[in-house]
Amino acid sequence: MRHPIARALARPLVMAAVAAAIPLASAAPVAADSVVVGGFPVDVSKAPWTVALSSRDRFGGTRAGQFCGGVAVGRTTVLTAAHCMGENVLGAPPEQVSDFRVIAGRTDLLSDQGKEIAIRGAWVNPGYDPQSSVGDFAVLTLAEPLPQSAVIAMAAAGDAAYEPGTGATVYGWGDVTGGGDYARSLRGANVHVVSDADCGKAYPGGAEGTYSAASMLCAGEDWGGRDACQGDSGGPLVARGKLIGLVSWGSGCGRAGRPGVYARVSDLMRALDRNGRKAADGRQGTA
């Protein structure tokens, strides 16, 4: 079975080769104004908890080494996708990547806005299954704190933010067309939460992946056109002012009937509790 298409950059970013480096499952046409795929520019001040993960040694300086996204749920705690921490992405375990940084408070990756903060520790969910993408999350501990205003609350199980049809926004610096056209400035795309039943129909198993409602969440539009894409992995999906998902995988980008799949934050919170870790200083951010 072919694995779901994860949305991290899989190797050092060489623009001319990126389409071959990161295959898409049946790339489809997307809107001409595509940003994130079907979105809009965002100033980071409007989404201050959205951060970029960077390694210039691994991915070059063209876009400040950005390869995945993340989200601050505590002053020194950033969540991202577990698959972003894989050796196939970073080239080594995260603790051995000497220039691994979180870029916070920066809209344009090549500006001097915000801060680049070293990683003091990385913890990958031991329940993560790279074959199925179940449990696709990791926790990064920063070497210095962010302001409390840069922290977002996480939505616990039962929160209305998870209700099907709820409007949500996904943020990132990833591919804006599905064809290897990577953004330099932060983008957002407005989508809607998709029901578990509809997502299960979209991804029933086989070549395009299997949806697991216990640990995953879908968001998109019936007609496609708005979605996260490669390079957005680990970035936030936000609804009703709370974090509900982390960009995980999908079939292509912005395809009709193939919504984006996210790590479900309520499941992530349970997993953190089971493993005896504080849910982020994230408890400080909950209302």
Protein backbone atom coordinates (compact mmCIF):
# COMPACT_ATOMS: atom_id res chain seq x y z
CA MET A 1 0.00 0.00 0.00
CA ARG A 2 1.30 3.46 -0.84
CA HIS A 3 1.60 5.61 2.26
CA PRO A 4 -0.38 8.82 2.71
CA ILE A 5 1.47 11.85 1.32
CA ALA A 6 2.95 13.67 4.31
CA ARG A 7 3.27 17.41 3.99
CA ALA A 8 6.86 18.02 5.04
CA LEU A 9 9.75 18.78 2.72
CA ALA A 10 11.43 15.40 2.35
CA ARG A 11 14.97 16.55 1.48
CA PRO A 12 17.06 19.70 1.05
CA LEU A 13 15.10 22.26 -0.94
CA VAL A 14 16.35 22.56 -4.51
CA MET A 15 13.64 24.53 -6.30
CA ALA A 16 14.17 23.01 -9.74
CA ALA A 17 13.93 19.50 -8.37
CA VAL A 18 11.28 19.93 -5.73
CA ALA A 19 8.37 18.51 -7.74
CA ALA A 20 10.32 15.29 -8.26
CA ALA A 21 11.55 15.27 -4.66
CA ILE A 22 8.05 15.53 -3.18
CA PRO A 23 5.59 13.56 -5.30
CA LEU A 24 1.94 14.55 -5.21
CA ALA A 25 -0.87 12.07 -5.57
CA SER A 26 -2.65 13.10 -8.77
CA ALA A 27 -1.92 16.82 -8.81
CA ALA A 28 -5.05 18.74 -9.82
CA PRO A 29 -5.60 22.31 -11.06
CA VAL A 30 -6.00 24.89 -8.31
CA ALA A 31 -7.20 28.47 -8.22
CA ALA A 32 -5.02 31.08 -9.92
CA ASP A 33 -4.73 33.06 -6.67
CA SER A 34 -3.60 30.01 -4.76
CA VAL A 35 -1.64 30.69 -1.57
CA VAL A 36 -1.22 27.76 0.85
CA VAL A 37 -3.53 26.55 -1.94
CA GLY A 38 -6.57 28.75 -2.34
CA GLY A 39 -5.81 31.21 0.46
CA PHE A 40 -4.54 34.67 1.32
CA PRO A 41 -1.55 36.51 2.83
CA VAL A 42 -1.44 36.71 6.64
CA ASP A 43 0.62 39.01 8.84
CA VAL A 44 2.06 36.93 11.66
CA SER A 45 0.69 39.45 14.18
CA LYS A 46 -2.76 38.02 13.35
CA ALA A 47 -1.58 34.46 14.07
CA PRO A 48 1.40 34.93 16.42
CA TRP A 49 1.37 31.30 17.55
CA THR A 50 2.26 30.12 14.00
CA VAL A 51 5.98 29.33 13.72
CA ALA A 52 8.32 27.95 11.07
CA LEU A 53 10.81 25.12 11.62
CA SER A 54 14.19 25.80 10.05
CA SER A 55 17.54 24.20 9.22
CA ARG A 56 19.60 26.15 6.71
CA ASP A 57 22.27 23.45 6.66
CA ARG A 58 19.67 20.94 5.51
CA PHE A 59 17.31 23.06 3.38
CA GLY A 60 19.40 26.05 2.28
CA GLY A 61 18.94 29.76 2.80
CA THR A 62 16.48 30.50 -0.02
CA ARG A 63 13.58 30.48 2.45
CA ALA A 64 15.57 30.66 5.69
CA GLY A 65 15.72 26.85 5.86
CA GLN A 66 11.94 26.46 6.44
CA PHE A 67 10.75 22.87 6.03
CA CYS A 68 7.71 22.48 8.32
CA GLY A 69 5.35 24.53 10.44
CA GLY A 70 4.53 24.47 14.13
CA VAL A 71 2.32 26.12 16.71
CA ALA A 72 3.12 27.55 20.13
CA VAL A 73 0.85 26.14 22.83
CA GLY A 74 3.06 27.24 25.69
CA ARG A 75 5.74 29.89 26.14
CA THR A 76 8.47 27.30 25.59
CA THR A 77 6.36 24.57 23.95
CA VAL A 78 5.76 24.13 20.21
CA LEU A 79 3.74 21.33 18.62
CA THR A 80 4.54 20.00 15.16
CA ALA A 81 4.06 16.83 13.12
CA ALA A 82 6.01 13.73 14.15
CA HIS A 83 6.93 13.06 10.53
CA CYS A 84 8.77 16.42 10.44
CA MET A 85 11.23 14.94 12.96
CA GLY A 86 12.09 11.91 10.82
CA GLU A 87 15.65 11.30 9.67
CA ASN A 88 14.35 11.19 6.09
CA VAL A 89 13.41 14.86 6.56
CA LEU A 90 16.14 16.21 8.86
CA GLY A 91 18.94 13.86 7.82
CA ALA A 92 19.62 13.00 11.48
CA PRO A 93 17.76 12.81 14.80
CA PRO A 94 16.53 16.32 15.74
CA GLU A 95 18.89 16.63 18.70
CA GLN A 96 21.83 16.15 16.30
CA VAL A 97 20.78 18.96 13.93
CA SER A 98 22.94 21.79 15.25
CA ASP A 99 21.16 24.63 13.45
CA PHE A 100 17.57 23.43 14.11
CA ARG A 101 15.57 26.55 14.97
CA VAL A 102 12.00 27.72 15.47
CA ILE A 103 11.33 31.02 13.68
CA ALA A 104 8.70 32.97 15.62
CA GLY A 105 7.08 36.35 14.96
CA ARG A 106 8.14 36.48 11.30
CA THR A 107 5.81 36.94 8.32
CA ASP A 108 8.44 37.03 5.54
CA LEU A 109 10.98 34.27 6.09
CA LEU A 110 13.83 36.42 4.75
CA SER A 111 13.11 39.45 6.94
CA ASP A 112 14.78 40.19 10.28
CA GLN A 113 11.40 40.28 12.02
CA GLY A 114 10.87 38.17 15.15
CA LYS A 115 13.30 35.64 16.59
CA GLU A 116 15.07 32.43 15.66
CA ILE A 117 15.08 30.26 18.78
CA ALA A 118 17.16 27.13 19.39
CA ILE A 119 15.52 23.85 20.36
CA ARG A 120 16.33 22.57 23.85
CA GLY A 121 14.57 19.26 23.35
CA ALA A 122 12.36 17.28 20.96
CA TRP A 123 9.87 14.60 21.99
CA VAL A 124 8.17 12.47 19.33
CA ASN A 125 4.92 10.72 20.21
CA PRO A 126 5.90 7.06 20.86
CA GLY A 127 2.49 6.07 19.54
CA TYR A 128 3.16 7.60 16.10
CA ASP A 129 2.78 5.08 13.26
CA PRO A 130 4.53 6.31 10.09
CA GLN A 131 2.72 3.70 8.01
CA SER A 132 -0.77 4.99 8.83
CA SER A 133 0.09 8.52 10.12
CA VAL A 134 -1.82 7.78 13.35
CA GLY A 135 -0.55 9.93 16.25
CA ASP A 136 1.38 12.33 14.00
CA PHE A 137 2.65 14.88 16.53
CA ALA A 138 5.81 15.92 18.34
CA VAL A 139 6.65 18.42 21.09
CA LEU A 140 9.56 20.86 20.86
CA THR A 141 10.93 22.66 23.92
CA LEU A 142 12.39 26.09 23.19
CA ALA A 143 15.61 27.41 24.69
CA GLU A 144 13.95 30.76 25.48
CA PRO A 145 10.32 31.72 26.08
CA LEU A 146 7.87 33.36 23.74
CA PRO A 147 5.51 36.07 25.01
CA GLN A 148 2.24 34.75 26.45
CA SER A 149 0.41 36.61 23.67
CA ALA A 150 2.00 34.19 21.18
CA VAL A 151 0.36 31.13 22.80
CA ILE A 152 -2.89 29.59 21.53
CA ALA A 153 -5.35 27.44 23.49
CA MET A 154 -5.97 23.83 22.52
CA ALA A 155 -9.53 22.55 22.02
CA ALA A 156 -10.33 19.60 24.28
CA ALA A 157 -12.62 16.72 23.30
CA GLY A 158 -16.23 17.83 22.96
CA ASP A 159 -15.37 21.42 22.08
CA ALA A 160 -17.75 22.97 19.54
CA ALA A 161 -14.73 23.84 17.38
CA TYR A 162 -14.68 20.21 16.16
CA GLU A 163 -18.28 20.23 14.90
CA PRO A 164 -18.64 19.42 11.18
CA GLY A 165 -19.20 22.53 9.11
CA THR A 166 -17.30 24.79 11.50
CA GLY A 167 -15.18 27.38 9.73
CA ALA A 168 -11.44 26.99 10.31
CA THR A 169 -8.16 28.44 9.01
CA VAL A 170 -4.92 26.63 8.24
CA TYR A 171 -1.62 28.55 8.23
CA GLY A 172 1.78 27.91 6.68
CA TRP A 173 4.66 28.77 4.36
CA GLY A 174 4.27 25.70 2.13
CA ASP A 175 3.55 25.00 -1.53
CA VAL A 176 0.96 27.44 -2.91
CA THR A 177 -0.01 25.55 -6.07
CA GLY A 178 0.64 21.86 -5.46
CA GLY A 179 3.47 22.01 -8.00
CA GLY A 180 6.51 23.00 -5.92
CA ASP A 181 5.88 26.77 -5.72
CA TYR A 182 6.86 27.58 -2.13
CA ALA A 183 5.78 30.72 -0.28
CA ARG A 184 8.22 33.14 1.33
CA SER A 185 5.55 34.87 3.43
CA LEU A 186 2.93 33.38 5.73
CA ARG A 187 -0.38 32.33 4.16
CA GLY A 188 -3.74 31.18 5.42
CA ALA A 189 -6.63 29.28 3.84
CA ASN A 190 -10.22 29.20 5.07
CA VAL A 191 -11.72 25.71 5.15
CA HIS A 192 -14.49 23.85 6.98
CA VAL A 193 -14.34 20.89 9.34
CA VAL A 194 -15.45 17.75 7.52
CA SER A 195 -17.50 15.06 9.26
CA ASP A 196 -15.82 11.80 10.23
CA ALA A 197 -18.24 9.92 7.96
CA ASP A 198 -17.36 12.01 4.91
CA CYS A 199 -13.65 11.84 5.64
CA GLY A 200 -13.89 8.08 6.03
CA LYS A 201 -15.49 7.91 2.58
CA ALA A 202 -12.70 10.06 1.12
CA TYR A 203 -9.97 7.89 2.66
CA PRO A 204 -11.39 4.38 3.19
CA GLY A 205 -8.00 2.66 2.88
CA GLY A 206 -5.76 1.61 0.04
CA ALA A 207 -3.55 3.79 -2.12
CA GLU A 208 -4.71 7.19 -0.85
CA GLY A 209 -4.58 6.44 2.86
CA THR A 210 -6.90 5.49 5.71
CA TYR A 211 -8.75 7.97 7.91
CA SER A 212 -8.77 7.21 11.63
CA ALA A 213 -11.35 9.35 13.43
CA ALA A 214 -9.85 8.74 16.87
CA SER A 215 -6.59 10.52 16.04
CA MET A 216 -7.35 12.50 12.88
CA LEU A 217 -9.53 15.36 11.68
CA CYS A 218 -10.38 16.46 8.13
CA ALA A 219 -10.93 19.97 6.81
CA GLY A 220 -11.43 21.35 3.33
CA GLU A 221 -14.14 22.21 0.81
CA ASP A 222 -16.31 19.82 -1.22
CA TRP A 223 -15.09 21.42 -4.44
CA GLY A 224 -11.45 21.45 -3.34
CA GLY A 225 -9.22 24.43 -4.06
CA ARG A 226 -8.35 25.30 -0.44
CA ASP A 227 -5.93 23.13 1.47
CA ALA A 228 -2.56 22.78 3.17
CA CYS A 229 0.24 21.37 1.02
CA GLN A 230 3.88 20.22 1.12
CA GLY A 231 5.93 22.33 3.54
CA ASP A 232 2.90 23.09 5.75
CA SER A 233 3.23 19.94 7.89
CA GLY A 234 2.91 20.54 11.62
CA GLY A 235 1.23 23.92 11.10
CA PRO A 236 -1.98 24.92 12.88
CA LEU A 237 -5.63 24.42 11.99
CA VAL A 238 -7.59 26.90 14.11
CA ALA A 239 -11.36 27.15 14.69
CA ARG A 240 -13.29 29.36 17.12
CA GLY A 241 -9.98 30.78 18.36
CA LYS A 242 -8.57 27.39 19.40
CA LEU A 243 -6.13 24.90 17.94
CA ILE A 244 -7.94 21.81 16.64
CA GLY A 245 -5.43 20.19 14.28
CA LEU A 246 -1.85 19.95 13.00
CA VAL A 247 -1.25 19.58 9.25
CA SER A 248 -0.47 15.90 8.66
CA TRP A 249 -1.23 14.40 5.23
CA GLY A 250 -3.50 14.36 2.20
CA SER A 251 -3.94 13.15 -1.35
CA GLY A 252 -2.53 15.88 -3.53
CA CYS A 253 -3.41 19.46 -2.53
CA GLY A 254 -6.80 21.11 -2.94
CA ARG A 255 -8.42 18.18 -4.78
CA ALA A 256 -12.20 17.91 -4.84
CA GLY A 257 -13.36 15.14 -2.53
CA ARG A 258 -9.93 14.81 -0.88
CA PRO A 259 -9.84 17.09 2.18
CA GLY A 260 -6.67 17.71 4.15
CA VAL A 261 -6.05 15.39 7.10
CA TYR A 262 -4.82 16.77 10.44
CA ALA A 263 -3.64 15.29 13.72
CA ARG A 264 -6.60 15.76 16.06
CA VAL A 265 -5.57 17.98 18.98
CA SER A 266 -8.00 16.45 21.49
CA ASP A 267 -6.34 13.05 20.92
CA LEU A 268 -2.93 14.69 21.17
CA MET A 269 -3.87 16.15 24.57
CA ARG A 270 -4.90 12.71 25.84
CA ALA A 271 -1.66 11.19 24.56
CA LEU A 272 0.41 13.85 26.29
CA ASP A 273 -1.41 13.18 29.54
CA ARG A 274 -0.93 9.42 29.18
CA ASN A 275 2.79 9.94 28.72
CA GLY A 276 3.04 12.04 31.85
CA ARG A 277 3.91 15.27 30.03
CA LYS A 278 2.25 18.64 30.65
CA ALA A 279 -0.01 19.53 27.75
CA ALA A 280 2.02 22.50 26.98
CA ASP A 281 2.11 24.86 29.19
CA GLY A 282 -0.87 24.62 26.78
CA ARG A 283 -2.96 24.26 29.85
CA GLN A 284 -2.10 27.88 30.53
CA GLY A 285 -3.63 28.82 27.22
CA THR A 286 -6.94 27.05 27.67
CA ALA A 287 -9.96 29.13 28.47
